[in-house]
């Protein structure tokens, strides 16, 4: 599912990026790499995610091109 569709408080793992090489390198330098675990701190525009103890603000258009696997239980607590 696209990261942009994940609700606030949900945890996920980054599965795939549909980004240009430059965008992918920039996000990787900030810690957002394939397989990394992230938590959505604020959904919307910007989408704020926490990854490796760092919060990153992403434009909704970028978050829509990051495909994630939801790892949260229905009540929003990570398994």
Protein backbone atom coordinates (compact mmCIF):
# COMPACT_ATOMS: atom_id res chain seq x y z
CA UNK A 1 0.00 0.00 0.00
CA UNK A 2 1.19 3.58 -0.54
CA UNK A 3 2.64 5.28 2.54
CA UNK A 4 0.26 8.19 1.90
CA UNK A 5 -2.70 5.88 2.77
CA UNK A 6 -1.31 4.77 6.14
CA UNK A 7 -3.02 6.36 9.15
CA UNK A 8 -1.26 8.24 11.93
CA UNK A 9 0.26 5.90 14.51
CA UNK A 10 0.60 2.93 12.13
CA UNK A 11 3.90 1.09 11.77
CA UNK A 12 5.16 -0.28 8.46
CA UNK A 13 8.17 -1.51 6.53
CA UNK A 14 9.28 0.09 3.29
CA UNK A 15 8.91 -2.49 0.50
CA UNK A 16 9.43 -0.51 -2.70
CA UNK A 17 10.16 3.00 -3.94
CA UNK A 18 8.76 4.36 -7.20
CA UNK A 19 11.11 7.34 -7.22
CA UNK A 20 13.82 8.79 -9.39
CA UNK A 21 17.36 7.73 -8.54
CA UNK A 22 18.06 11.14 -7.00
CA UNK A 23 14.96 11.04 -4.78
CA UNK A 24 15.75 7.48 -3.67
CA UNK A 25 19.35 8.41 -2.79
CA UNK A 26 18.23 11.44 -0.80
CA UNK A 27 15.72 9.43 1.25
CA UNK A 28 18.25 6.62 1.78
CA UNK A 29 20.73 9.17 3.15
CA UNK A 30 18.07 10.15 5.71
CA UNK A 31 17.61 6.51 6.74
CA UNK A 32 14.55 5.59 4.67
CA UNK A 33 15.88 2.44 2.98
CA UNK A 34 14.16 -0.68 1.68
CA UNK A 35 13.19 -2.85 4.64
CA UNK A 36 13.42 -0.03 7.17
CA UNK A 37 10.70 0.16 9.82
CA UNK A 38 8.82 3.42 10.08
CA UNK A 39 5.95 4.88 12.07
CA UNK A 40 3.55 7.49 10.70
CA UNK A 41 3.53 10.43 13.12
CA UNK A 42 1.25 12.65 11.01
CA UNK A 43 -0.62 11.73 7.84
CA UNK A 44 -1.49 14.29 5.21
CA UNK A 45 0.70 16.83 3.47
CA UNK A 46 3.36 16.67 4.69
CA UNK A 47 3.36 13.07 5.84
CA UNK A 48 5.68 12.85 8.84
CA UNK A 49 7.34 9.51 9.49
CA UNK A 50 9.74 8.39 12.17
CA UNK A 51 12.52 6.10 11.02
CA UNK A 52 15.59 5.18 13.07
CA UNK A 53 14.75 7.82 15.73
CA UNK A 54 14.55 10.56 13.09
CA UNK A 55 11.41 12.31 11.88
CA UNK A 56 11.16 13.04 8.17
CA UNK A 57 8.54 15.21 6.48
CA UNK A 58 7.51 13.96 3.05
CA UNK A 59 5.32 15.65 0.47
CA UNK A 60 2.14 13.65 -0.12
CA UNK A 61 3.23 13.16 -3.75
CA UNK A 62 6.43 11.45 -2.55
CA UNK A 63 4.66 9.41 0.16
CA UNK A 64 2.26 8.10 -2.52
CA UNK A 65 5.24 6.58 -4.37
CA UNK A 66 6.62 4.76 -1.32
CA UNK A 67 5.02 1.35 -1.00
CA UNK A 68 4.90 -0.12 2.49
CA UNK A 69 3.72 -3.23 4.32
CA UNK A 70 1.52 -2.33 7.31
CA UNK A 71 2.87 -3.97 10.49
CA UNK A 72 0.34 -2.59 12.96
CA UNK A 73 -2.50 -4.35 14.70
CA UNK A 74 -6.00 -2.87 14.24
CA UNK A 75 -5.62 -0.73 17.39
CA UNK A 76 -2.49 0.92 16.00
CA UNK A 77 0.08 -0.82 18.22
CA UNK A 78 2.94 -2.51 16.40
CA UNK A 79 3.21 -6.25 16.71
